[in-house]
C-alpha cells in the first residue's frame, strides 16, 4: 500500500491506541515511537507540499486580470 497523508495519520492513530493501552512491552513501545516519528515527518512533508501548491494556485489566480 502506498503511503499517503490519510494512511499515515491512520497508522499514527493506531500507534497511539496501542501505546495508550499499556499492554505492550517497552521494546515494542520504543519501536512504535520510532515509526510514529517517521510518519509525523512524512505528514509534515506532505503538508508542506500542499501549502506550496496552494500558494502557487493563489499566485496564479492573483495574476489573472479582470476581464
C-alpha atoms as a PDB file:
ATOM      1  CA  UNK A   1       0.000   0.000   0.000  1.00  0.00           C
ATOM      2  CA  UNK A   2       1.337   3.403  -1.000  1.00  0.00           C
ATOM      3  CA  UNK A   3       1.803   5.768   1.906  1.00  0.00           C
ATOM      4  CA  UNK A   4      -0.238   8.949   1.734  1.00  0.00           C
ATOM      5  CA  UNK A   5      -1.286  11.528   4.307  1.00  0.00           C
ATOM      6  CA  UNK A   6      -4.520   9.734   5.191  1.00  0.00           C
ATOM      7  CA  UNK A   7      -2.904   6.317   5.663  1.00  0.00           C
ATOM      8  CA  UNK A   8      -0.057   7.865   7.668  1.00  0.00           C
ATOM      9  CA  UNK A   9      -2.476   9.563  10.065  1.00  0.00           C
ATOM     10  CA  UNK A  10      -4.465   6.326  10.378  1.00  0.00           C
ATOM     11  CA  UNK A  11      -1.259   4.470  11.306  1.00  0.00           C
ATOM     12  CA  UNK A  12      -0.420   7.194  13.830  1.00  0.00           C
ATOM     13  CA  UNK A  13      -3.838   6.768  15.450  1.00  0.00           C
ATOM     14  CA  UNK A  14      -3.273   3.004  15.681  1.00  0.00           C
ATOM     15  CA  UNK A  15       0.125   3.571  17.304  1.00  0.00           C
ATOM     16  CA  UNK A  16      -1.360   5.995  19.834  1.00  0.00           C
ATOM     17  CA  UNK A  17      -4.100   3.488  20.721  1.00  0.00           C
ATOM     18  CA  UNK A  18      -1.551   0.689  21.226  1.00  0.00           C
ATOM     19  CA  UNK A  19       0.715   2.821  23.393  1.00  0.00           C
ATOM     20  CA  UNK A  20      -2.181   4.190  25.458  1.00  0.00           C
ATOM     21  CA  UNK A  21      -3.467   0.659  26.081  1.00  0.00           C
ATOM     22  CA  UNK A  22      -0.425  -0.034  28.240  1.00  0.00           C
ATOM     23  CA  UNK A  23      -0.491  -3.650  27.065  1.00  0.00           C
ATOM     24  CA  UNK A  24       2.750  -3.610  25.074  1.00  0.00           C
ATOM     25  CA  UNK A  25       6.323  -4.104  26.122  1.00  0.00           C
ATOM     26  CA  UNK A  26       8.739  -1.214  26.463  1.00  0.00           C
ATOM     27  CA  UNK A  27      10.674  -2.517  23.442  1.00  0.00           C
ATOM     28  CA  UNK A  28       7.545  -2.565  21.286  1.00  0.00           C
ATOM     29  CA  UNK A  29       6.623   0.908  22.540  1.00  0.00           C
ATOM     30  CA  UNK A  30      10.052   2.202  21.511  1.00  0.00           C
ATOM     31  CA  UNK A  31       9.652   0.690  18.037  1.00  0.00           C
ATOM     32  CA  UNK A  32       6.217   2.266  17.718  1.00  0.00           C
ATOM     33  CA  UNK A  33       7.544   5.662  18.804  1.00  0.00           C
ATOM     34  CA  UNK A  34      10.274   5.430  16.156  1.00  0.00           C
ATOM     35  CA  UNK A  35       7.675   4.519  13.496  1.00  0.00           C
ATOM     36  CA  UNK A  36       5.474   7.398  14.696  1.00  0.00           C
ATOM     37  CA  UNK A  37       8.389   9.803  14.267  1.00  0.00           C
ATOM     38  CA  UNK A  38       8.832   8.680  10.654  1.00  0.00           C
ATOM     39  CA  UNK A  39       5.103   9.041   9.984  1.00  0.00           C
ATOM     40  CA  UNK A  40       4.987  12.517  11.542  1.00  0.00           C
ATOM     41  CA  UNK A  41       7.926  13.669   9.400  1.00  0.00           C
ATOM     42  CA  UNK A  42       6.180  12.259   6.325  1.00  0.00           C
ATOM     43  CA  UNK A  43       2.972  14.143   7.230  1.00  0.00           C
ATOM     44  CA  UNK A  44       4.871  17.404   7.713  1.00  0.00           C
ATOM     45  CA  UNK A  45       6.431  16.992   4.254  1.00  0.00           C
ATOM     46  CA  UNK A  46       3.024  16.309   2.712  1.00  0.00           C
ATOM     47  CA  UNK A  47       1.550  19.395   4.398  1.00  0.00           C
ATOM     48  CA  UNK A  48       4.479  21.469   3.153  1.00  0.00           C
ATOM     49  CA  UNK A  49       3.900  20.241  -0.408  1.00  0.00           C
ATOM     50  CA  UNK A  50       0.203  21.075  -0.174  1.00  0.00           C
ATOM     51  CA  UNK A  51       0.972  24.565   1.148  1.00  0.00           C
ATOM     52  CA  UNK A  52       3.357  25.108  -1.767  1.00  0.00           C
ATOM     53  CA  UNK A  53       0.721  24.050  -4.283  1.00  0.00           C
ATOM     54  CA  UNK A  54      -1.904  26.287  -2.667  1.00  0.00           C
ATOM     55  CA  UNK A  55       0.498  29.243  -2.742  1.00  0.00           C
ATOM     56  CA  UNK A  56       1.212  28.580  -6.417  1.00  0.00           C
ATOM     57  CA  UNK A  57      -2.517  28.430  -7.228  1.00  0.00           C
ATOM     58  CA  UNK A  58      -3.193  31.626  -5.274  1.00  0.00           C
ATOM     59  CA  UNK A  59      -0.384  33.466  -7.087  1.00  0.00           C
ATOM     60  CA  UNK A  60      -1.738  32.286 -10.435  1.00  0.00           C
ATOM     61  CA  UNK A  61      -5.234  33.444  -9.561  1.00  0.00           C
ATOM     62  CA  UNK A  62      -3.921  36.767  -8.242  1.00  0.00           C
ATOM     63  CA  UNK A  63      -2.145  37.272 -11.562  1.00  0.00           C
ATOM     64  CA  UNK A  64      -5.307  36.935 -13.641  1.00  0.00           C
ATOM     65  CA  UNK A  65      -6.563  40.312 -14.758  1.00  0.00           C
ATOM     66  CA  UNK A  66     -10.250  41.074 -14.630  1.00  0.00           C
ATOM     67  CA  UNK A  67     -11.951  40.975 -17.989  1.00  0.00           C
END
